[in-house]
Amino acid sequence: MRGTIEALLAKAEQRFQHRIQGIHRYTDDELHGLIAILRQSENGEPIDPDREEWAERLMRREGLLP
């Protein structure tokens, strides 16, 4: 299941290629942080509310959440 999250993010990058150019592309730190939070959620582990809010803002910035 570990590869699933990376595969979904790669698929989203391909789907929204026009959005990944310029200043709104994920940095390595953002991508690793987002993957860590998604894994925590997938495993049913508690997520720090500040980190969850950060992930939501990041995904909204990229148009992955409304």
PDB file of N, CA and C in Angstrom:
ATOM      1  N   MET A   1       0.817  -1.188   0.000  1.00  0.00           N
ATOM      2  CA  MET A   1       0.000   0.000   0.000  1.00  0.00           C
ATOM      3  C   MET A   1       0.868   1.261   0.000  1.00  0.00           C
ATOM      4  N   ARG A   2       2.109   1.113   0.370  1.00  0.00           N
ATOM      5  CA  ARG A   2       3.023   2.251   0.448  1.00  0.00           C
ATOM      6  C   ARG A   2       3.122   2.987  -0.890  1.00  0.00           C
ATOM      7  N   GLY A   3       3.169   2.265  -1.996  1.00  0.00           N
ATOM      8  CA  GLY A   3       3.290   2.885  -3.302  1.00  0.00           C
ATOM      9  C   GLY A   3       2.009   3.535  -3.782  1.00  0.00           C
ATOM     10  N   THR A   4       0.896   3.226  -3.165  1.00  0.00           N
ATOM     11  CA  THR A   4      -0.394   3.740  -3.610  1.00  0.00           C
ATOM     12  C   THR A   4      -0.466   5.262  -3.530  1.00  0.00           C
ATOM     13  N   ILE A   5      -0.029   5.833  -2.437  1.00  0.00           N
ATOM     14  CA  ILE A   5      -0.104   7.283  -2.264  1.00  0.00           C
ATOM     15  C   ILE A   5       0.781   7.983  -3.285  1.00  0.00           C
ATOM     16  N   GLU A   6       2.004   7.471  -3.457  1.00  0.00           N
ATOM     17  CA  GLU A   6       2.900   8.066  -4.445  1.00  0.00           C
ATOM     18  C   GLU A   6       2.302   7.966  -5.845  1.00  0.00           C
ATOM     19  N   ALA A   7       1.679   6.821  -6.148  1.00  0.00           N
ATOM     20  CA  ALA A   7       1.064   6.627  -7.464  1.00  0.00           C
ATOM     21  C   ALA A   7      -0.092   7.605  -7.682  1.00  0.00           C
ATOM     22  N   LEU A   8      -0.904   7.806  -6.647  1.00  0.00           N
ATOM     23  CA  LEU A   8      -2.029   8.740  -6.769  1.00  0.00           C
ATOM     24  C   LEU A   8      -1.541  10.176  -6.982  1.00  0.00           C
ATOM     25  N   LEU A   9      -0.488  10.564  -6.257  1.00  0.00           N
ATOM     26  CA  LEU A   9       0.051  11.917  -6.438  1.00  0.00           C
ATOM     27  C   LEU A   9       0.677  12.075  -7.812  1.00  0.00           C
ATOM     28  N   ALA A  10       1.371  11.043  -8.285  1.00  0.00           N
ATOM     29  CA  ALA A  10       1.954  11.102  -9.631  1.00  0.00           C
ATOM     30  C   ALA A  10       0.845  11.206 -10.675  1.00  0.00           C
ATOM     31  N   LYS A  11      -0.231  10.465 -10.481  1.00  0.00           N
ATOM     32  CA  LYS A  11      -1.365  10.528 -11.409  1.00  0.00           C
ATOM     33  C   LYS A  11      -1.988  11.928 -11.409  1.00  0.00           C
ATOM     34  N   ALA A  12      -2.119  12.526 -10.226  1.00  0.00           N
ATOM     35  CA  ALA A  12      -2.671  13.880 -10.128  1.00  0.00           C
ATOM     36  C   ALA A  12      -1.755  14.878 -10.832  1.00  0.00           C
ATOM     37  N   GLU A  13      -0.433  14.697 -10.679  1.00  0.00           N
ATOM     38  CA  GLU A  13       0.499  15.594 -11.367  1.00  0.00           C
ATOM     39  C   GLU A  13       0.344  15.475 -12.878  1.00  0.00           C
ATOM     40  N   GLN A  14       0.134  14.267 -13.375  1.00  0.00           N
ATOM     41  CA  GLN A  14      -0.055  14.083 -14.815  1.00  0.00           C
ATOM     42  C   GLN A  14      -1.380  14.694 -15.273  1.00  0.00           C
ATOM     43  N   ARG A  15      -2.402  14.506 -14.458  1.00  0.00           N
ATOM     44  CA  ARG A  15      -3.734  15.012 -14.809  1.00  0.00           C
ATOM     45  C   ARG A  15      -3.770  16.541 -14.842  1.00  0.00           C
ATOM     46  N   PHE A  16      -3.031  17.152 -13.925  1.00  0.00           N
ATOM     47  CA  PHE A  16      -3.046  18.602 -13.809  1.00  0.00           C
ATOM     48  C   PHE A  16      -1.694  19.194 -14.180  1.00  0.00           C
ATOM     49  N   GLN A  17      -1.086  18.695 -15.252  1.00  0.00           N
ATOM     50  CA  GLN A  17       0.242  19.156 -15.654  1.00  0.00           C
ATOM     51  C   GLN A  17       0.327  20.663 -15.807  1.00  0.00           C
ATOM     52  N   HIS A  18      -0.728  21.272 -16.304  1.00  0.00           N
ATOM     53  CA  HIS A  18      -0.711  22.722 -16.507  1.00  0.00           C
ATOM     54  C   HIS A  18      -0.616  23.480 -15.189  1.00  0.00           C
ATOM     55  N   ARG A  19      -0.897  22.823 -14.086  1.00  0.00           N
ATOM     56  CA  ARG A  19      -0.858  23.488 -12.784  1.00  0.00           C
ATOM     57  C   ARG A  19       0.470  23.317 -12.059  1.00  0.00           C
ATOM     58  N   ILE A  20       1.337  22.442 -12.524  1.00  0.00           N
ATOM     59  CA  ILE A  20       2.550  22.177 -11.763  1.00  0.00           C
ATOM     60  C   ILE A  20       3.730  23.029 -12.222  1.00  0.00           C
ATOM     61  N   GLN A  21       3.519  23.947 -13.093  1.00  0.00           N
ATOM     62  CA  GLN A  21       4.568  24.839 -13.535  1.00  0.00           C
ATOM     63  C   GLN A  21       4.564  26.078 -12.644  1.00  0.00           C
ATOM     64  N   GLY A  22       5.703  26.636 -12.387  1.00  0.00           N
ATOM     65  CA  GLY A  22       5.761  27.888 -11.643  1.00  0.00           C
ATOM     66  C   GLY A  22       5.811  27.703 -10.138  1.00  0.00           C
ATOM     67  N   ILE A  23       5.359  28.722  -9.421  1.00  0.00           N
ATOM     68  CA  ILE A  23       5.557  28.773  -7.973  1.00  0.00           C
ATOM     69  C   ILE A  23       4.685  27.805  -7.187  1.00  0.00           C
ATOM     70  N   HIS A  24       3.663  27.226  -7.801  1.00  0.00           N
ATOM     71  CA  HIS A  24       2.744  26.377  -7.052  1.00  0.00           C
ATOM     72  C   HIS A  24       3.094  24.900  -7.099  1.00  0.00           C
ATOM     73  N   ARG A  25       4.250  24.550  -7.567  1.00  0.00           N
ATOM     74  CA  ARG A  25       4.649  23.148  -7.588  1.00  0.00           C
ATOM     75  C   ARG A  25       5.082  22.736  -6.180  1.00  0.00           C
ATOM     76  N   TYR A  26       4.773  21.495  -5.810  1.00  0.00           N
ATOM     77  CA  TYR A  26       5.191  20.996  -4.501  1.00  0.00           C
ATOM     78  C   TYR A  26       6.710  21.006  -4.391  1.00  0.00           C
ATOM     79  N   THR A  27       7.204  21.457  -3.260  1.00  0.00           N
ATOM     80  CA  THR A  27       8.629  21.298  -2.969  1.00  0.00           C
ATOM     81  C   THR A  27       8.827  19.875  -2.440  1.00  0.00           C
ATOM     82  N   ASP A  28      10.059  19.436  -2.353  1.00  0.00           N
ATOM     83  CA  ASP A  28      10.317  18.103  -1.801  1.00  0.00           C
ATOM     84  C   ASP A  28       9.796  18.003  -0.375  1.00  0.00           C
ATOM     85  N   ASP A  29      10.009  19.037   0.423  1.00  0.00           N
ATOM     86  CA  ASP A  29       9.536  19.027   1.810  1.00  0.00           C
ATOM     87  C   ASP A  29       8.011  18.949   1.876  1.00  0.00           C
ATOM     88  N   GLU A  30       7.334  19.704   1.006  1.00  0.00           N
ATOM     89  CA  GLU A  30       5.873  19.666   0.979  1.00  0.00           C
ATOM     90  C   GLU A  30       5.376  18.278   0.587  1.00  0.00           C
ATOM     91  N   LEU A  31       5.985  17.713  -0.425  1.00  0.00           N
ATOM     92  CA  LEU A  31       5.561  16.395  -0.897  1.00  0.00           C
ATOM     93  C   LEU A  31       5.784  15.335   0.173  1.00  0.00           C
ATOM     94  N   HIS A  32       6.937  15.336   0.812  1.00  0.00           N
ATOM     95  CA  HIS A  32       7.211  14.351   1.861  1.00  0.00           C
ATOM     96  C   HIS A  32       6.274  14.549   3.051  1.00  0.00           C
ATOM     97  N   GLY A  33       6.001  15.793   3.405  1.00  0.00           N
ATOM     98  CA  GLY A  33       5.076  16.067   4.504  1.00  0.00           C
ATOM     99  C   GLY A  33       3.666  15.622   4.190  1.00  0.00           C
ATOM    100  N   LEU A  34       3.229  15.878   2.964  1.00  0.00           N
ATOM    101  CA  LEU A  34       1.885  15.478   2.550  1.00  0.00           C
ATOM    102  C   LEU A  34       1.761  13.958   2.540  1.00  0.00           C
ATOM    103  N   ILE A  35       2.758  13.274   2.022  1.00  0.00           N
ATOM    104  CA  ILE A  35       2.728  11.812   2.003  1.00  0.00           C
ATOM    105  C   ILE A  35       2.679  11.267   3.428  1.00  0.00           C
ATOM    106  N   ALA A  36       3.459  11.850   4.335  1.00  0.00           N
ATOM    107  CA  ALA A  36       3.456  11.392   5.729  1.00  0.00           C
ATOM    108  C   ALA A  36       2.077  11.548   6.361  1.00  0.00           C
ATOM    109  N   ILE A  37       1.431  12.670   6.111  1.00  0.00           N
ATOM    110  CA  ILE A  37       0.101  12.907   6.680  1.00  0.00           C
ATOM    111  C   ILE A  37      -0.923  11.949   6.073  1.00  0.00           C
ATOM    112  N   LEU A  38      -0.853  11.727   4.776  1.00  0.00           N
ATOM    113  CA  LEU A  38      -1.783  10.802   4.135  1.00  0.00           C
ATOM    114  C   LEU A  38      -1.582   9.377   4.653  1.00  0.00           C
ATOM    115  N   ARG A  39      -0.359   9.000   4.889  1.00  0.00           N
ATOM    116  CA  ARG A  39      -0.089   7.662   5.452  1.00  0.00           C
ATOM    117  C   ARG A  39      -0.651   7.542   6.869  1.00  0.00           C
ATOM    118  N   GLN A  40      -0.465   8.592   7.666  1.00  0.00           N
ATOM    119  CA  GLN A  40      -1.026   8.575   9.022  1.00  0.00           C
ATOM    120  C   GLN A  40      -2.530   8.387   8.963  1.00  0.00           C
ATOM    121  N   SER A  41      -3.175   9.130   8.077  1.00  0.00           N
ATOM    122  CA  SER A  41      -4.622   9.045   7.929  1.00  0.00           C
ATOM    123  C   SER A  41      -5.036   7.649   7.473  1.00  0.00           C
ATOM    124  N   GLU A  42      -4.312   7.122   6.500  1.00  0.00           N
ATOM    125  CA  GLU A  42      -4.603   5.795   5.967  1.00  0.00           C
ATOM    126  C   GLU A  42      -4.478   4.720   7.052  1.00  0.00           C
ATOM    127  N   ASN A  43      -3.537   4.906   7.974  1.00  0.00           N
ATOM    128  CA  ASN A  43      -3.305   3.935   9.043  1.00  0.00           C
ATOM    129  C   ASN A  43      -4.175   4.181  10.276  1.00  0.00           C
ATOM    130  N   GLY A  44      -5.014   5.207  10.227  1.00  0.00           N
ATOM    131  CA  GLY A  44      -5.896   5.508  11.346  1.00  0.00           C
ATOM    132  C   GLY A  44      -5.189   6.153  12.521  1.00  0.00           C
ATOM    133  N   GLU A  45      -4.013   6.699  12.280  1.00  0.00           N
ATOM    134  CA  GLU A  45      -3.246   7.341  13.349  1.00  0.00           C
ATOM    135  C   GLU A  45      -3.735   8.781  13.545  1.00  0.00           C
ATOM    136  N   PRO A  46      -3.623   9.296  14.766  1.00  0.00           N
ATOM    137  CA  PRO A  46      -4.034  10.687  14.999  1.00  0.00           C
ATOM    138  C   PRO A  46      -3.103  11.655  14.260  1.00  0.00           C
ATOM    139  N   ILE A  47      -3.682  12.736  13.748  1.00  0.00           N
ATOM    140  CA  ILE A  47      -2.924  13.750  13.001  1.00  0.00           C
ATOM    141  C   ILE A  47      -3.031  15.067  13.751  1.00  0.00           C
ATOM    142  N   ASP A  48      -1.913  15.708  13.932  1.00  0.00           N
ATOM    143  CA  ASP A  48      -1.874  17.019  14.569  1.00  0.00           C
ATOM    144  C   ASP A  48      -2.763  17.978  13.773  1.00  0.00           C
ATOM    145  N   PRO A  49      -3.696  18.676  14.422  1.00  0.00           N
ATOM    146  CA  PRO A  49      -4.610  19.573  13.705  1.00  0.00           C
ATOM    147  C   PRO A  49      -3.897  20.637  12.865  1.00  0.00           C
ATOM    148  N   ASP A  50      -2.784  21.152  13.351  1.00  0.00           N
ATOM    149  CA  ASP A  50      -2.046  22.151  12.570  1.00  0.00           C
ATOM    150  C   ASP A  50      -1.485  21.548  11.293  1.00  0.00           C
ATOM    151  N   ARG A  51      -0.967  20.321  11.383  1.00  0.00           N
ATOM    152  CA  ARG A  51      -0.429  19.639  10.191  1.00  0.00           C
ATOM    153  C   ARG A  51      -1.553  19.301   9.212  1.00  0.00           C
ATOM    154  N   GLU A  52      -2.704  18.906   9.752  1.00  0.00           N
ATOM    155  CA  GLU A  52      -3.839  18.588   8.895  1.00  0.00           C
ATOM    156  C   GLU A  52      -4.308  19.842   8.148  1.00  0.00           C
ATOM    157  N   GLU A  53      -4.365  20.954   8.852  1.00  0.00           N
ATOM    158  CA  GLU A  53      -4.753  22.223   8.225  1.00  0.00           C
ATOM    159  C   GLU A  53      -3.739  22.614   7.153  1.00  0.00           C
ATOM    160  N   TRP A  54      -2.449  22.423   7.432  1.00  0.00           N
ATOM    161  CA  TRP A  54      -1.392  22.716   6.460  1.00  0.00           C
ATOM    162  C   TRP A  54      -1.588  21.874   5.198  1.00  0.00           C
ATOM    163  N   ALA A  55      -1.872  20.579   5.380  1.00  0.00           N
ATOM    164  CA  ALA A  55      -2.068  19.686   4.230  1.00  0.00           C
ATOM    165  C   ALA A  55      -3.292  20.104   3.411  1.00  0.00           C
ATOM    166  N   GLU A  56      -4.360  20.489   4.092  1.00  0.00           N
ATOM    167  CA  GLU A  56      -5.566  20.938   3.390  1.00  0.00           C
ATOM    168  C   GLU A  56      -5.275  22.191   2.568  1.00  0.00           C
ATOM    169  N   ARG A  57      -4.562  23.155   3.159  1.00  0.00           N
ATOM    170  CA  ARG A  57      -4.212  24.374   2.413  1.00  0.00           C
ATOM    171  C   ARG A  57      -3.355  24.052   1.201  1.00  0.00           C
ATOM    172  N   LEU A  58      -2.417  23.145   1.387  1.00  0.00           N
ATOM    173  CA  LEU A  58      -1.538  22.748   0.290  1.00  0.00           C
ATOM    174  C   LEU A  58      -2.332  22.112  -0.849  1.00  0.00           C
ATOM    175  N   MET A  59      -3.247  21.218  -0.507  1.00  0.00           N
ATOM    176  CA  MET A  59      -4.032  20.543  -1.527  1.00  0.00           C
ATOM    177  C   MET A  59      -5.029  21.499  -2.183  1.00  0.00           C
ATOM    178  N   ARG A  60      -5.560  22.448  -1.434  1.00  0.00           N
ATOM    179  CA  ARG A  60      -6.442  23.462  -2.039  1.00  0.00           C
ATOM    180  C   ARG A  60      -5.657  24.347  -3.006  1.00  0.00           C
ATOM    181  N   ARG A  61      -4.446  24.703  -2.615  1.00  0.00           N
ATOM    182  CA  ARG A  61      -3.588  25.541  -3.468  1.00  0.00           C
ATOM    183  C   ARG A  61      -3.380  24.878  -4.822  1.00  0.00           C
ATOM    184  N   GLU A  62      -3.266  23.564  -4.816  1.00  0.00           N
ATOM    185  CA  GLU A  62      -3.019  22.830  -6.057  1.00  0.00           C
ATOM    186  C   GLU A  62      -4.303  22.424  -6.767  1.00  0.00           C
ATOM    187  N   GLY A  63      -5.446  22.771  -6.208  1.00  0.00           N
ATOM    188  CA  GLY A  63      -6.705  22.460  -6.859  1.00  0.00           C
ATOM    189  C   GLY A  63      -7.161  21.030  -6.670  1.00  0.00           C
ATOM    190  N   LEU A  64      -6.575  20.318  -5.709  1.00  0.00           N
ATOM    191  CA  LEU A  64      -6.969  18.935  -5.460  1.00  0.00           C
ATOM    192  C   LEU A  64      -8.151  18.838  -4.509  1.00  0.00           C
ATOM    193  N   LEU A  65      -8.440  19.938  -3.810  1.00  0.00           N
ATOM    194  CA  LEU A  65      -9.628  20.040  -2.957  1.00  0.00           C
ATOM    195  C   LEU A  65     -10.352  21.334  -3.328  1.00  0.00           C
ATOM    196  N   PRO A  66     -11.677  21.315  -3.201  1.00  0.00           N
ATOM    197  CA  PRO A  66     -12.417  22.556  -3.533  1.00  0.00           C
ATOM    198  C   PRO A  66     -12.196  23.658  -2.504  1.00  0.00           C
TER     199      PRO A  66
END
